[in-house]
Amino acid sequence: MQDLPHHGEHWFKDVGEQAEQARRADQLKATIRTLTEQTSRVGLPLGETGQYPQGAMTPDDEGELRLAVTTQAGKVILAFGKPIAWLGMSPREARQMADALNEWAAKA
C-alpha cells in the first residue's frame, strides 16, 4: 500500500501570497460597495425586491432578487447585495442569465 503524500504545507500561504490575496479581497469589496452605491443611487438597490412575480416556489422563498454583474482582474463578478442560498428561475430567465454571463465573460 502506498502512503498518501502530506498536503498540509499547501494550506499555509507565504506572506507575499497572503498580501496579494488581501489586496484582491479589498479591491473586490470596493467594487461591490461601488456597485451597491450606484444601483441604490438610481433607485435599483441590490438584493430582494419584496416581489414574487411568479409566486413563491417554497415557504422559504425570499422573492425576486436584483443583482449586478461586472468584471475585475479577469473574473466575472456577481453582486447580490445579500447572502444567497439558492436561486430559482424560469428556463427563459436562465437562458437570459447565461447569455448575460457569456457577454460579461467575453469582457473579462
Protein backbone atom coordinates (compact mmCIF):
# COMPACT_ATOMS: atom_id res chain seq x y z
CA MET A 1 0.00 0.00 0.00
CA GLN A 2 1.31 3.42 -0.95
CA ASP A 3 1.42 6.24 1.58
CA LEU A 4 -0.52 9.35 0.65
CA PRO A 5 1.59 12.48 0.32
CA HIS A 6 1.24 15.07 3.03
CA HIS A 7 -0.56 18.15 1.71
CA GLY A 8 -0.58 20.28 4.84
CA GLU A 9 2.12 22.64 3.64
CA HIS A 10 -0.17 23.79 0.83
CA TRP A 11 -2.69 25.10 3.35
CA PHE A 12 -0.30 27.78 4.52
CA LYS A 13 0.44 30.58 2.11
CA ASP A 14 3.62 32.59 2.12
CA VAL A 15 3.49 36.20 3.25
CA GLY A 16 3.59 37.58 -0.30
CA GLU A 17 0.65 35.42 -1.39
CA GLN A 18 -1.32 36.39 1.72
CA ALA A 19 -0.69 40.08 1.00
CA GLU A 20 -1.79 39.65 -2.64
CA GLN A 21 -4.98 37.86 -1.60
CA ALA A 22 -5.71 40.57 0.97
CA ARG A 23 -5.21 43.24 -1.72
CA ARG A 24 -7.56 41.42 -4.11
CA ALA A 25 -10.14 40.99 -1.33
CA ASP A 26 -10.01 44.74 -0.62
CA GLN A 27 -10.43 45.50 -4.34
CA LEU A 28 -13.41 43.15 -4.57
CA LYS A 29 -15.06 44.70 -1.51
CA ALA A 30 -14.57 48.16 -3.01
CA THR A 31 -16.05 47.03 -6.34
CA ILE A 32 -19.10 45.52 -4.64
CA ARG A 33 -19.51 48.64 -2.48
CA THR A 34 -19.40 50.80 -5.64
CA LEU A 35 -21.98 48.59 -7.39
CA THR A 36 -24.22 48.72 -4.33
CA GLU A 37 -23.96 52.52 -4.10
CA GLN A 38 -24.52 53.04 -7.83
CA THR A 39 -27.58 50.81 -8.02
CA SER A 40 -29.08 52.40 -4.90
CA ARG A 41 -28.43 55.89 -6.28
CA VAL A 42 -30.54 55.15 -9.36
CA GLY A 43 -33.33 53.60 -7.30
CA LEU A 44 -32.49 49.94 -8.06
CA PRO A 45 -30.86 48.63 -4.87
CA LEU A 46 -29.34 45.15 -4.90
CA GLY A 47 -30.99 42.33 -3.00
CA GLU A 48 -34.59 41.33 -2.56
CA THR A 49 -37.30 43.50 -4.08
CA GLY A 50 -40.15 42.21 -1.92
CA GLN A 51 -41.97 40.96 -5.01
CA TYR A 52 -42.87 37.46 -6.16
CA PRO A 53 -43.54 37.85 -9.91
CA GLN A 54 -44.04 34.10 -10.40
CA GLY A 55 -45.26 33.27 -6.89
CA ALA A 56 -43.22 31.69 -4.10
CA MET A 57 -41.51 28.40 -5.03
CA THR A 58 -41.12 27.25 -1.42
CA PRO A 59 -42.06 28.54 2.04
CA ASP A 60 -38.53 29.96 2.45
CA ASP A 61 -38.53 31.70 -0.96
CA GLU A 62 -37.43 35.32 -0.40
CA GLY A 63 -38.78 36.54 -3.73
CA GLU A 64 -37.29 38.45 -6.61
CA LEU A 65 -33.60 39.28 -6.36
CA ARG A 66 -31.82 42.19 -8.01
CA LEU A 67 -28.16 41.59 -8.80
CA ALA A 68 -25.33 43.38 -10.59
CA VAL A 69 -22.59 41.98 -12.81
CA THR A 70 -19.14 43.36 -13.59
CA THR A 71 -15.62 42.16 -14.29
CA GLN A 72 -12.45 42.56 -12.28
CA ALA A 73 -8.99 41.07 -12.71
CA GLY A 74 -10.16 38.65 -15.39
CA LYS A 75 -13.11 37.38 -13.36
CA VAL A 76 -16.86 37.85 -13.76
CA ILE A 77 -18.30 39.20 -10.50
CA LEU A 78 -21.95 38.76 -9.46
CA ALA A 79 -23.07 41.02 -6.60
CA PHE A 80 -26.33 40.01 -4.91
CA GLY A 81 -26.48 42.55 -2.10
CA LYS A 82 -27.02 39.80 0.50
CA PRO A 83 -26.03 36.19 1.22
CA ILE A 84 -27.83 33.82 -1.17
CA ALA A 85 -28.54 30.14 -0.53
CA TRP A 86 -30.26 29.38 -3.86
CA LEU A 87 -31.77 30.89 -6.99
CA GLY A 88 -34.84 29.70 -8.87
CA MET A 89 -35.81 30.95 -12.32
CA SER A 90 -37.77 30.01 -15.39
CA PRO A 91 -35.96 28.40 -18.32
CA ARG A 92 -36.28 31.70 -20.23
CA GLU A 93 -34.69 33.62 -17.34
CA ALA A 94 -31.93 31.00 -17.07
CA ARG A 95 -31.12 31.42 -20.78
CA GLN A 96 -31.09 35.22 -20.37
CA MET A 97 -28.74 34.92 -17.40
CA ALA A 98 -26.48 32.53 -19.33
CA ASP A 99 -26.40 34.94 -22.29
CA ALA A 100 -25.59 37.87 -20.00
CA LEU A 101 -22.83 35.92 -18.24
CA ASN A 102 -21.36 34.91 -21.59
CA GLU A 103 -21.28 38.59 -22.62
CA TRP A 104 -19.54 39.55 -19.36
CA ALA A 105 -17.12 36.62 -19.75
CA ALA A 106 -16.13 37.96 -23.16
CA LYS A 107 -15.28 41.29 -21.49
CA ALA A 108 -13.25 39.72 -18.66
